[in-house]
């Protein structure tokens, strides 16, 4: 259980040094919890617990599992990481994504080396944000799963073939039409995926149109993804039977 007082920081691949650096940053650059606004910590104990306590489960796409519903504080944490550059949140968000990967794969999780394939961001979005949030989350999830003993790596193997419209105001059917044929697999994918089981990953699933198009692109390249995972789902999660 996390402590009830004091700042809680994302796990760091650099061990104690990473935690010490996070403590120093909170002293030098006072901040607020991205989830609830609590002073002097980027992720308070209560919001960290809320992110980790939700049980992953299937979304409206049975093969795509999410770690939590898209509701506060998870919603605020994702927005802070994606749009406001709260990069230290990648650690705990990546842990949540890793749990969703294990939930989506079930007993298949340890049968073959895994490759986490993030949904691609457009070049314009990466320039505007100053980073690729989904790729960062995929890398953090891979580190979390490796700590659990799994053979996992993450690689950006998908790219856009044409511009697509902003999907915020589109219906599910319009999103499918907007995205159909919009993604392709990079030429290096066959070498990168050799012997590995691909799993699509993203920060959020809404209608599932983006994940479905990514799955189509991988399948067209002869690299079918048997599962997908996201940090959050815009809708209730279905009950999942059995342990993670």
Protein backbone atom coordinates (compact mmCIF):
# COMPACT_ATOMS: atom_id res chain seq x y z
CA UNK A 1 0.00 0.00 0.00
CA UNK A 2 1.32 3.51 -0.72
CA UNK A 3 2.00 5.82 2.23
CA UNK A 4 -0.73 8.26 3.21
CA UNK A 5 1.58 11.25 3.48
CA UNK A 6 4.35 12.72 1.35
CA UNK A 7 4.84 12.66 -2.42
CA UNK A 8 4.61 9.46 -4.42
CA UNK A 9 6.65 9.29 -7.60
CA UNK A 10 6.41 7.04 -10.64
CA UNK A 11 8.71 4.02 -10.66
CA UNK A 12 11.97 4.93 -12.34
CA UNK A 13 14.13 2.67 -14.49
CA UNK A 14 17.07 4.39 -12.75
CA UNK A 15 16.18 3.05 -9.29
CA UNK A 16 16.85 5.13 -6.16
CA UNK A 17 18.61 7.84 -8.18
CA UNK A 18 15.44 8.37 -10.22
CA UNK A 19 13.35 8.74 -7.06
CA UNK A 20 15.88 11.19 -5.58
CA UNK A 21 15.79 13.24 -8.77
CA UNK A 22 11.98 13.31 -8.68
CA UNK A 23 12.09 14.49 -5.05
CA UNK A 24 14.54 17.24 -6.01
CA UNK A 25 12.36 18.35 -8.92
CA UNK A 26 9.35 18.64 -6.63
CA UNK A 27 11.37 20.89 -4.31
CA UNK A 28 12.84 23.05 -7.07
CA UNK A 29 9.76 23.06 -9.30
CA UNK A 30 6.71 22.85 -7.01
CA UNK A 31 3.78 21.33 -8.86
CA UNK A 32 0.31 19.93 -8.33
CA UNK A 33 -1.07 16.42 -8.67
CA UNK A 34 -2.16 15.99 -12.28
CA UNK A 35 -5.15 13.95 -11.14
CA UNK A 36 -6.66 16.08 -8.38
CA UNK A 37 -4.56 19.22 -7.88
CA UNK A 38 -2.96 18.30 -4.55
CA UNK A 39 0.06 20.50 -3.83
CA UNK A 40 3.74 19.57 -4.20
CA UNK A 41 3.52 16.26 -6.03
CA UNK A 42 2.80 15.30 -9.64
CA UNK A 43 0.94 12.16 -8.55
CA UNK A 44 -0.61 12.00 -5.08
CA UNK A 45 -1.12 8.71 -3.18
CA UNK A 46 -4.90 8.75 -3.71
CA UNK A 47 -4.66 9.19 -7.50
CA UNK A 48 -1.88 6.62 -7.74
CA UNK A 49 -4.09 4.16 -5.88
CA UNK A 50 -7.06 4.95 -8.15
CA UNK A 51 -4.90 4.27 -11.22
CA UNK A 52 -3.60 0.98 -9.86
CA UNK A 53 -6.73 -0.35 -8.15
CA UNK A 54 -8.99 -0.73 -11.19
CA UNK A 55 -9.23 -4.29 -12.54
CA UNK A 56 -8.41 -4.48 -16.28
CA UNK A 57 -11.07 -5.92 -18.53
CA UNK A 58 -12.40 -6.17 -22.10
CA UNK A 59 -13.77 -3.10 -23.83
CA UNK A 60 -16.39 -2.93 -26.60
CA UNK A 61 -13.73 -4.76 -28.64
CA UNK A 62 -13.38 -8.07 -26.76
CA UNK A 63 -9.76 -8.46 -27.90
CA UNK A 64 -8.85 -4.97 -26.61
CA UNK A 65 -8.55 -4.65 -22.84
CA UNK A 66 -8.22 -1.45 -20.81
CA UNK A 67 -6.79 -0.89 -17.36
CA UNK A 68 -9.47 1.57 -16.21
CA UNK A 69 -12.52 3.55 -17.32
CA UNK A 70 -11.84 6.99 -18.79
CA UNK A 71 -12.93 8.95 -15.74
CA UNK A 72 -11.15 11.22 -13.30
CA UNK A 73 -8.50 10.98 -12.01
CA UNK A 74 -7.28 8.61 -14.77
CA UNK A 75 -8.61 10.98 -17.44
CA UNK A 76 -6.73 13.92 -15.96
CA UNK A 77 -3.50 11.91 -15.65
CA UNK A 78 -3.66 10.88 -19.31
CA UNK A 79 -4.35 14.44 -20.45
CA UNK A 80 -1.51 15.81 -18.32
CA UNK A 81 0.93 13.30 -19.79
CA UNK A 82 -0.27 13.68 -23.37
CA UNK A 83 -1.03 17.38 -23.68
CA UNK A 84 0.80 19.12 -20.83
CA UNK A 85 4.14 17.29 -20.87
CA UNK A 86 3.90 15.62 -17.45
CA UNK A 87 6.42 13.02 -18.59
CA UNK A 88 7.07 11.49 -15.16
CA UNK A 89 3.52 10.13 -15.29
CA UNK A 90 4.64 7.73 -18.04
CA UNK A 91 5.88 5.30 -15.36
CA UNK A 92 2.60 4.68 -13.48
CA UNK A 93 0.52 4.99 -16.66
CA UNK A 94 2.83 2.46 -18.31
CA UNK A 95 2.35 0.07 -15.39
CA UNK A 96 -1.41 0.33 -15.89
CA UNK A 97 -0.98 -0.31 -19.61
CA UNK A 98 1.17 -3.35 -18.80
CA UNK A 99 -1.62 -4.77 -16.65
CA UNK A 100 -4.03 -4.31 -19.56
CA UNK A 101 -1.60 -6.15 -21.86
CA UNK A 102 -1.50 -9.12 -19.48
CA UNK A 103 -5.30 -9.04 -19.18
CA UNK A 104 -5.75 -9.01 -22.97
CA UNK A 105 -3.36 -11.92 -23.49
CA UNK A 106 -4.44 -14.02 -20.53
CA UNK A 107 -2.56 -17.34 -20.46
CA UNK A 108 -0.84 -16.44 -23.75
CA UNK A 109 1.22 -13.72 -22.03
CA UNK A 110 4.25 -15.92 -21.40
CA UNK A 111 4.07 -18.21 -24.41
CA UNK A 112 6.14 -16.06 -26.79
CA UNK A 113 8.23 -12.89 -26.69
CA UNK A 114 5.99 -9.85 -26.99
CA UNK A 115 6.21 -6.74 -29.13
CA UNK A 116 4.14 -3.74 -28.07
CA UNK A 117 3.12 -1.76 -31.16
CA UNK A 118 1.92 1.76 -30.28
CA UNK A 119 -0.70 3.57 -32.28
CA UNK A 120 1.19 6.13 -34.37
CA UNK A 121 1.02 9.85 -33.72
CA UNK A 122 1.15 12.20 -36.69
CA UNK A 123 4.32 14.20 -37.19
CA UNK A 124 2.38 17.41 -36.61
CA UNK A 125 1.06 16.13 -33.28
CA UNK A 126 4.53 15.07 -32.14
CA UNK A 127 5.93 18.49 -33.05
CA UNK A 128 3.11 20.29 -31.26
CA UNK A 129 3.43 18.22 -28.08
CA UNK A 130 7.19 17.91 -28.11
CA UNK A 131 7.01 14.14 -27.61
CA UNK A 132 5.18 11.00 -28.75
CA UNK A 133 2.99 10.09 -25.75
CA UNK A 134 1.83 6.69 -26.98
CA UNK A 135 5.35 5.54 -27.83
CA UNK A 136 6.50 6.71 -24.40
CA UNK A 137 3.70 4.76 -22.70
CA UNK A 138 4.52 1.65 -24.75
CA UNK A 139 8.16 1.83 -23.66
CA UNK A 140 7.12 2.29 -20.02
CA UNK A 141 4.73 -0.67 -20.26
CA UNK A 142 7.47 -2.83 -21.77
CA UNK A 143 9.80 -1.97 -18.86
CA UNK A 144 7.06 -2.82 -16.37
CA UNK A 145 6.38 -6.19 -18.01
CA UNK A 146 10.09 -7.00 -18.17
CA UNK A 147 10.30 -6.40 -14.41
CA UNK A 148 7.56 -9.02 -14.10
CA UNK A 149 9.74 -11.51 -16.00
CA UNK A 150 8.27 -11.29 -19.50
CA UNK A 151 10.30 -10.90 -22.69
CA UNK A 152 8.90 -7.63 -24.08
CA UNK A 153 10.03 -4.79 -26.29
CA UNK A 154 8.22 -1.87 -27.88
CA UNK A 155 8.67 -0.55 -31.41
CA UNK A 156 6.82 2.01 -33.58
CA UNK A 157 5.96 -0.08 -36.63
CA UNK A 158 2.91 1.78 -37.95
CA UNK A 159 2.68 5.04 -39.87
CA UNK A 160 -0.02 7.14 -41.52
CA UNK A 161 -0.39 6.91 -45.28
CA UNK A 162 -2.63 9.96 -45.63
CA UNK A 163 -4.14 12.79 -43.56
CA UNK A 164 -7.24 12.00 -41.50
CA UNK A 165 -9.90 14.30 -40.08
CA UNK A 166 -10.13 15.19 -36.40
CA UNK A 167 -12.28 12.45 -34.90
CA UNK A 168 -13.58 14.27 -31.83
CA UNK A 169 -17.01 15.03 -33.32
CA UNK A 170 -17.35 11.96 -35.58
CA UNK A 171 -19.71 9.06 -35.02
CA UNK A 172 -18.40 5.50 -34.81
CA UNK A 173 -19.29 4.83 -38.46
CA UNK A 174 -17.67 8.11 -39.56
CA UNK A 175 -14.52 7.24 -37.63
CA UNK A 176 -14.28 3.89 -39.38
CA UNK A 177 -14.62 5.54 -42.80
CA UNK A 178 -12.17 8.27 -41.84
CA UNK A 179 -9.49 5.78 -40.79
CA UNK A 180 -9.95 2.96 -43.28
CA UNK A 181 -6.71 2.44 -45.18
CA UNK A 182 -4.98 5.28 -43.29
CA UNK A 183 -2.26 3.14 -41.69
CA UNK A 184 0.48 0.94 -43.04
CA UNK A 185 3.33 -1.11 -41.61
CA UNK A 186 6.89 0.15 -41.95
CA UNK A 187 9.17 -1.97 -44.18
CA UNK A 188 11.36 -2.98 -41.22
CA UNK A 189 8.41 -4.58 -39.39
CA UNK A 190 9.01 -8.11 -40.66
CA UNK A 191 12.50 -8.17 -39.17
CA UNK A 192 11.43 -6.51 -35.93
CA UNK A 193 8.49 -8.85 -35.37
CA UNK A 194 10.26 -12.11 -36.16
CA UNK A 195 9.32 -14.57 -33.42
CA UNK A 196 7.41 -12.00 -31.39
CA UNK A 197 3.70 -11.75 -30.64
CA UNK A 198 2.45 -8.25 -31.53
CA UNK A 199 0.10 -6.41 -29.18
CA UNK A 200 -1.38 -3.05 -30.18
CA UNK A 201 -1.26 -0.41 -27.44
CA UNK A 202 -2.78 3.06 -27.04
CA UNK A 203 -3.69 5.46 -24.27
CA UNK A 204 -7.46 5.39 -24.86
CA UNK A 205 -10.06 3.38 -26.75
CA UNK A 206 -13.37 5.05 -27.62
CA UNK A 207 -15.18 3.43 -30.56
CA UNK A 208 -12.29 1.07 -31.38
CA UNK A 209 -11.95 2.41 -34.94
CA UNK A 210 -8.25 3.29 -34.55
CA UNK A 211 -7.31 -0.09 -33.11
CA UNK A 212 -9.34 -1.88 -35.78
CA UNK A 213 -7.52 0.00 -38.55
CA UNK A 214 -4.15 -0.75 -36.96
CA UNK A 215 -5.06 -4.43 -36.70
CA UNK A 216 -6.07 -4.39 -40.38
CA UNK A 217 -2.75 -2.85 -41.38
CA UNK A 218 -0.75 -5.42 -39.42
CA UNK A 219 -2.82 -8.30 -40.80
CA UNK A 220 -2.37 -7.01 -44.36
CA UNK A 221 1.38 -7.19 -43.81
CA UNK A 222 1.10 -10.77 -42.57
CA UNK A 223 1.62 -9.72 -38.95
CA UNK A 224 -1.71 -10.27 -37.18
CA UNK A 225 -2.06 -8.85 -33.68
CA UNK A 226 -3.98 -11.16 -31.39
CA UNK A 227 -4.72 -8.51 -28.77
CA UNK A 228 -4.72 -4.82 -27.94
CA UNK A 229 -4.43 -2.89 -24.70
CA UNK A 230 -5.06 0.67 -23.54
CA UNK A 231 -4.73 2.58 -20.31
CA UNK A 232 -8.38 3.65 -20.37
CA UNK A 233 -11.69 3.00 -22.14
CA UNK A 234 -14.45 5.51 -22.81
CA UNK A 235 -17.15 3.25 -21.46
CA UNK A 236 -17.61 0.53 -18.85
CA UNK A 237 -15.25 -2.43 -18.78
CA UNK A 238 -16.68 -5.91 -19.10
CA UNK A 239 -16.09 -8.41 -16.33
CA UNK A 240 -13.02 -10.54 -16.82
CA UNK A 241 -12.89 -14.06 -15.44
CA UNK A 242 -9.84 -15.52 -13.78
CA UNK A 243 -6.66 -13.94 -12.45
CA UNK A 244 -4.43 -11.56 -14.36
